[in-house]
Protein backbone atom coordinates (compact mmCIF):
# COMPACT_ATOMS: atom_id res chain seq x y z
CA MET A 1 -12.96 -226.41 -43.13
CA THR A 2 -15.15 -227.71 -40.31
CA ASN A 3 -15.10 -231.52 -39.63
CA HIS A 4 -18.48 -232.67 -38.65
CA PHE A 5 -17.37 -236.18 -38.09
CA ASN A 6 -20.23 -237.71 -40.13
CA GLY A 7 -18.23 -240.93 -40.82
CA VAL A 8 -17.78 -241.51 -36.99
CA LYS A 9 -21.41 -240.83 -36.49
CA THR A 10 -22.35 -243.35 -39.15
CA ALA A 11 -20.23 -245.97 -37.47
CA ALA A 12 -21.77 -245.23 -34.05
CA LEU A 13 -25.20 -245.58 -35.46
CA PHE A 14 -24.32 -248.86 -37.06
CA GLY A 15 -22.94 -250.01 -33.71
CA ALA A 16 -26.30 -249.08 -32.02
CA ILE A 17 -28.33 -250.98 -34.61
CA PHE A 18 -26.09 -253.98 -34.06
CA ALA A 19 -26.52 -253.79 -30.31
CA ILE A 20 -30.19 -253.80 -30.66
CA LEU A 21 -30.01 -256.84 -33.00
CA LEU A 22 -27.86 -258.78 -30.80
CA GLY A 23 -29.76 -257.97 -27.66
CA ILE A 24 -32.98 -259.05 -29.00
CA GLY A 25 -31.53 -262.17 -30.55
CA ALA A 26 -30.09 -263.20 -27.25
CA LEU A 27 -33.68 -263.41 -25.97
CA ILE A 28 -34.80 -266.00 -28.50
CA GLN A 29 -33.90 -269.42 -27.18
CA GLY A 30 -30.72 -268.08 -25.71
CA GLY A 31 -29.68 -266.66 -28.98
CA ARG A 32 -29.16 -270.07 -30.74
CA TYR A 33 -31.25 -268.96 -33.83
CA ILE A 34 -29.77 -265.53 -34.42
CA TRP A 35 -27.37 -266.80 -37.14
CA VAL A 36 -30.44 -267.58 -39.23
CA PHE A 37 -31.43 -263.98 -39.22
CA ALA A 38 -27.98 -262.86 -39.97
CA LEU A 39 -27.88 -265.07 -43.03
CA ILE A 40 -31.18 -263.55 -44.10
CA GLY A 41 -29.82 -260.21 -43.53
CA VAL A 42 -26.78 -260.95 -45.73
CA ALA A 43 -28.95 -262.11 -48.50
CA MET A 44 -31.26 -259.01 -48.24
CA THR A 45 -28.23 -256.79 -48.33
CA PHE A 46 -26.72 -258.41 -51.26
CA TYR A 47 -29.93 -258.27 -53.30
CA GLY A 48 -30.64 -254.65 -52.48
CA TYR A 49 -27.10 -253.55 -53.19
CA TRP A 50 -26.74 -255.53 -56.51
CA ASN A 51 -30.14 -254.28 -57.89
CA SER A 52 -30.32 -250.76 -56.42
CA ASP A 53 -29.90 -249.06 -59.78
CA LYS A 54 -32.65 -251.10 -61.39
CA ILE A 55 -35.10 -250.72 -58.53
CA ALA A 56 -34.78 -246.97 -58.24
CA ILE A 57 -34.78 -246.24 -62.01
CA LYS A 58 -37.90 -248.49 -62.52
CA ALA A 59 -39.60 -246.86 -59.59
CA MET A 60 -39.23 -243.39 -61.12
CA GLN A 61 -40.08 -244.67 -64.60
CA ALA A 62 -36.92 -243.03 -65.96
CA TYR A 63 -35.48 -243.32 -69.38
CA PRO A 64 -31.80 -243.29 -70.56
CA VAL A 65 -30.55 -240.04 -72.26
CA THR A 66 -27.64 -239.28 -74.58
CA ARG A 67 -25.56 -236.13 -74.92
CA GLU A 68 -27.87 -234.84 -77.69
CA GLN A 69 -30.98 -235.29 -75.50
CA ALA A 70 -29.67 -233.73 -72.40
CA PRO A 71 -26.50 -231.56 -73.33
CA ALA A 72 -26.19 -229.61 -70.04
CA MET A 73 -26.54 -232.59 -67.77
CA TYR A 74 -24.27 -234.69 -69.90
CA ARG A 75 -21.57 -232.07 -69.98
CA ILE A 76 -21.68 -231.48 -66.32
CA VAL A 77 -21.49 -235.13 -65.25
CA GLU A 78 -18.74 -235.84 -67.92
CA GLU A 79 -16.68 -232.87 -66.53
CA LEU A 80 -17.17 -233.79 -62.84
CA SER A 81 -16.43 -237.54 -63.40
CA ALA A 82 -13.23 -236.83 -65.22
CA LYS A 83 -12.32 -234.27 -62.44
CA ALA A 84 -12.85 -237.09 -59.74
CA ASN A 85 -10.98 -239.43 -62.09
CA GLN A 86 -14.00 -241.87 -62.17
CA PRO A 87 -16.04 -243.44 -65.00
CA MET A 88 -18.95 -241.73 -66.52
CA PRO A 89 -22.29 -243.04 -65.15
CA ALA A 90 -25.39 -243.68 -67.14
CA LEU A 91 -27.73 -240.75 -67.31
CA TYR A 92 -31.48 -240.94 -66.92
CA ILE A 93 -34.45 -238.44 -66.79
CA SER A 94 -37.62 -239.26 -64.97
CA PRO A 95 -40.86 -237.78 -66.66
CA THR A 96 -42.17 -236.15 -63.55
CA GLN A 97 -42.50 -232.43 -62.61
CA ALA A 98 -41.54 -233.20 -59.00
CA PRO A 99 -38.11 -231.57 -58.76
CA ASN A 100 -35.45 -234.04 -57.58
CA ALA A 101 -32.41 -236.00 -58.54
CA PHE A 102 -30.67 -239.19 -57.23
CA ALA A 103 -27.66 -241.38 -57.97
CA THR A 104 -27.64 -245.13 -57.62
CA GLY A 105 -25.55 -248.15 -58.43
CA ARG A 106 -23.34 -250.64 -56.59
CA ASN A 107 -20.06 -248.93 -57.65
CA PRO A 108 -18.77 -246.19 -59.89
CA GLN A 109 -18.47 -248.79 -62.69
CA HIS A 110 -22.17 -249.61 -62.50
CA ALA A 111 -23.75 -246.21 -61.48
CA ALA A 112 -26.62 -244.14 -62.83
CA VAL A 113 -27.59 -240.59 -62.20
CA CYS A 114 -31.25 -239.48 -62.67
CA CYS A 115 -32.78 -236.05 -62.84
CA THR A 116 -36.53 -235.38 -63.04
CA GLU A 117 -37.83 -233.13 -65.66
CA GLY A 118 -38.98 -230.89 -62.89
CA ILE A 119 -35.46 -230.29 -61.59
CA LEU A 120 -34.09 -229.69 -65.01
CA ASP A 121 -36.71 -226.88 -65.52
CA LEU A 122 -36.30 -225.32 -62.10
CA LEU A 123 -32.41 -225.01 -61.75
CA ASP A 124 -30.00 -222.97 -63.78
CA GLU A 125 -26.82 -224.74 -65.03
CA ARG A 126 -24.59 -223.60 -62.09
CA GLU A 127 -27.18 -224.89 -59.54
CA LEU A 128 -27.67 -228.17 -61.52
CA ARG A 129 -23.86 -228.65 -61.34
CA GLY A 130 -24.07 -228.36 -57.59
CA VAL A 131 -26.77 -230.93 -57.42
CA LEU A 132 -25.01 -233.34 -59.73
CA GLY A 133 -21.71 -233.09 -57.76
CA HIS A 134 -23.72 -234.09 -54.68
CA GLU A 135 -25.15 -237.14 -56.51
CA LEU A 136 -21.91 -238.28 -57.82
CA MET A 137 -20.42 -238.25 -54.33
CA HIS A 138 -23.15 -240.67 -53.17
CA VAL A 139 -21.71 -243.11 -55.63
CA TYR A 140 -18.00 -242.41 -54.96
CA ASN A 141 -18.69 -242.74 -51.14
CA ARG A 142 -20.30 -246.05 -51.57
CA ASP A 143 -23.42 -244.81 -49.95
CA ILE A 144 -25.69 -247.30 -51.65
CA LEU A 145 -23.99 -250.17 -49.73
CA THR A 146 -24.38 -248.21 -46.43
CA SER A 147 -28.12 -247.70 -46.99
CA SER A 148 -28.59 -251.22 -48.30
CA VAL A 149 -27.02 -252.52 -45.07
CA ALA A 150 -28.92 -250.20 -42.85
CA ALA A 151 -32.24 -251.21 -44.31
CA ALA A 152 -31.46 -254.97 -44.13
CA LEU A 153 -30.51 -254.62 -40.55
CA ALA A 154 -33.65 -252.72 -39.56
CA GLY A 155 -35.69 -255.43 -41.32
CA ILE A 156 -33.95 -258.21 -39.40
CA ILE A 157 -34.55 -256.33 -36.10
CA THR A 158 -38.27 -256.21 -36.91
CA SER A 159 -38.38 -259.87 -37.56
CA VAL A 160 -36.21 -260.84 -34.57
CA ALA A 161 -38.36 -258.72 -32.21
CA GLN A 162 -41.52 -260.37 -33.54
CA MET A 163 -39.97 -263.82 -32.96
CA ALA A 164 -38.82 -262.84 -29.44
CA MET A 165 -42.42 -262.05 -28.53
CA PHE A 166 -43.68 -265.21 -30.22
CA PHE A 167 -41.15 -267.52 -28.42
CA GLY A 168 -41.21 -265.49 -25.22
CA GLY A 169 -37.36 -265.48 -24.73
CA SER A 170 -35.23 -268.47 -23.51
CA ARG A 171 -36.93 -271.42 -21.79
CA GLU A 172 -34.78 -271.09 -18.71
CA ASN A 173 -35.65 -267.53 -18.01
CA ARG A 174 -38.77 -266.29 -19.82
CA PRO A 175 -39.21 -262.48 -19.41
CA ASN A 176 -42.45 -260.83 -18.55
CA PRO A 177 -44.91 -261.00 -21.61
CA ILE A 178 -45.61 -257.19 -21.28
CA ALA A 179 -41.72 -256.58 -21.57
CA MET A 180 -41.67 -258.91 -24.67
CA ILE A 181 -44.57 -256.97 -26.29
CA ALA A 182 -42.80 -253.65 -25.59
CA ILE A 183 -39.53 -255.02 -27.20
CA ALA A 184 -41.54 -256.17 -30.29
CA LEU A 185 -42.86 -252.75 -30.71
CA LEU A 186 -40.09 -250.44 -29.64
CA ALA A 187 -37.08 -252.30 -31.08
CA PRO A 188 -38.30 -251.92 -34.76
CA LEU A 189 -39.12 -248.27 -33.96
CA ALA A 190 -35.58 -247.58 -32.72
CA ALA A 191 -34.05 -249.41 -35.62
CA SER A 192 -36.00 -247.20 -38.11
CA ILE A 193 -35.07 -244.09 -36.36
CA ILE A 194 -31.37 -245.15 -36.49
CA GLN A 195 -31.61 -246.15 -40.11
CA MET A 196 -33.10 -242.74 -40.96
CA ALA A 197 -30.23 -241.05 -39.02
CA ILE A 198 -27.72 -242.95 -41.03
CA SER A 199 -29.23 -241.60 -44.24
CA ARG A 200 -29.13 -238.03 -42.86
CA THR A 201 -25.33 -238.18 -42.01
CA ARG A 202 -24.70 -239.48 -45.59
CA GLU A 203 -26.55 -236.61 -47.00
CA TYR A 204 -24.28 -234.09 -45.02
CA ASP A 205 -21.30 -235.97 -46.33
CA ALA A 206 -22.47 -235.83 -49.99
CA ASP A 207 -23.24 -232.03 -49.56
CA GLU A 208 -19.70 -231.36 -48.31
CA ASP A 209 -17.79 -233.60 -50.68
CA GLY A 210 -19.93 -232.62 -53.74
CA ALA A 211 -19.28 -228.98 -52.82
CA LYS A 212 -15.50 -229.66 -52.74
CA LEU A 213 -15.78 -231.53 -56.08
CA THR A 214 -17.52 -228.60 -57.88
CA GLY A 215 -15.60 -225.89 -55.92
CA ASP A 216 -18.83 -224.00 -55.50
CA PRO A 217 -20.82 -224.72 -52.22
CA LEU A 218 -23.07 -221.79 -52.74
CA ALA A 219 -24.38 -223.23 -55.95
CA LEU A 220 -25.63 -226.24 -54.09
CA ALA A 221 -27.08 -223.98 -51.29
CA ASP A 222 -29.01 -222.02 -53.92
CA ALA A 223 -30.30 -225.27 -55.53
CA LEU A 224 -31.42 -226.67 -52.14
CA ARG A 225 -33.50 -223.38 -51.52
CA LYS A 226 -35.23 -223.84 -54.83
CA LEU A 227 -35.92 -227.49 -54.21
CA GLU A 228 -37.40 -226.98 -50.85
CA SER A 229 -40.14 -224.74 -52.24
CA GLY A 230 -40.34 -226.68 -55.47
CA VAL A 231 -41.02 -230.01 -53.62
CA GLN A 232 -43.87 -228.30 -51.78
CA ARG A 233 -45.36 -227.27 -54.92
CA ALA A 234 -45.02 -230.42 -56.79
CA PRO A 235 -44.31 -233.49 -54.47
CA LEU A 236 -44.17 -237.08 -55.48
CA PRO A 237 -47.33 -239.09 -54.66
CA PRO A 238 -47.08 -241.31 -51.61
CA ASP A 239 -46.60 -244.51 -53.46
CA PRO A 240 -44.83 -247.36 -51.73
CA LYS A 241 -42.42 -247.92 -54.63
CA LEU A 242 -41.45 -244.24 -54.60
CA GLN A 243 -41.04 -244.25 -50.78
CA ASN A 244 -38.52 -247.00 -51.13
CA ALA A 245 -36.39 -244.78 -53.34
CA ALA A 246 -36.94 -241.62 -51.38
CA HIS A 247 -33.70 -241.90 -49.29
CA MET A 248 -31.66 -241.68 -52.53
CA MET A 249 -32.96 -238.32 -53.62
CA ILE A 250 -31.24 -235.05 -52.84
CA ALA A 251 -34.45 -233.56 -51.37
CA ASN A 252 -37.15 -235.28 -49.54
CA PRO A 253 -39.82 -235.77 -52.27
CA PHE A 254 -42.83 -235.67 -50.13
CA ARG A 255 -44.42 -232.69 -48.43
CA ALA A 256 -42.79 -231.71 -45.26
CA ALA A 257 -46.16 -232.24 -43.20
CA ASP A 258 -46.15 -235.99 -44.27
CA VAL A 259 -42.72 -236.78 -42.82
CA LYS A 260 -42.00 -236.69 -39.08
CA SER A 261 -38.33 -235.40 -38.27
CA LEU A 262 -37.18 -238.61 -36.60
CA PHE A 263 -38.21 -240.64 -39.65
CA SER A 264 -37.03 -238.19 -42.27
CA THR A 265 -34.21 -239.69 -44.50
CA HIS A 266 -32.95 -236.15 -45.05
CA PRO A 267 -31.52 -233.48 -42.70
CA PRO A 268 -33.42 -230.23 -42.44
CA MET A 269 -32.74 -227.99 -45.47
CA ALA A 270 -31.92 -225.10 -43.27
CA ASN A 271 -29.05 -227.06 -41.62
CA ARG A 272 -27.63 -228.14 -44.94
CA ILE A 273 -27.81 -224.64 -46.44
CA ASP A 274 -26.10 -223.32 -43.35
CA ARG A 275 -23.22 -225.75 -43.63
CA LEU A 276 -22.70 -224.87 -47.30
CA GLU A 277 -22.84 -221.26 -46.72
CA ASN A 278 -20.12 -221.67 -44.00
CA MET A 279 -18.01 -223.58 -46.62
CA GLY A 280 -18.55 -220.75 -49.02
CA ARG A 281 -17.36 -218.22 -46.53
CA GLU A 282 -14.28 -220.28 -45.74
CA LEU A 283 -13.41 -220.43 -49.43
CA GLY A 284 -14.07 -216.72 -49.76
CA ARG A 285 -16.89 -217.09 -52.16
């Protein structure tokens, strides 16, 4: 099986975002206040990580479901959780026709999987199994922690860059004001691009690991094809609350024309499908 080194890529991207943070922090009074932003970042990360399940579920107005209310979804998640030797997550359905799914929660013991009514209507049971395998692997890979840290660091870089422009760097060696303005504008832009790139590498990992869990990569590939056209027919509205949960979903929930590639939280569908089809060929499916 092809190794795409997504874990190494994620580590390299985190290194880049830390380098930006430390570089800008050094400009503010010689870096003496950067620890304040570091503490703020830790607090932001902890809050986002600890409350990730509540925030996403509330944003999608999802309701909990039982085995009787969603028998196919419940049966699939129960089977895959047992196969992975992990606890059964709570199951939710969001009352929207926009086809999508996401998993959230700070660890497998406090996890939730949510499907929209739209995706349950769109996919057959085999394709739904592929999607749910993908979502469970987000939980098992601790991707919520990864995304929380990336978001917090991007937010800190924005604050530090603005402070650098306000204070004008260290008193001993103040840089050119135009350079400081450029840093204040470009550093947050770079941080956001890196944050989105981290999300994209985690999506590739969840695709591959989810396909291994289900043993059927072509099922997920078929589901992604349907989701690509399904989202274009019925996208989520561009609500800020929904935008904050978009990175958790298996497909970008907004119209492709509304999302620039550099700022997309998801890799191109064609790339994801190609990888899954390659896996299928290697497995002889």
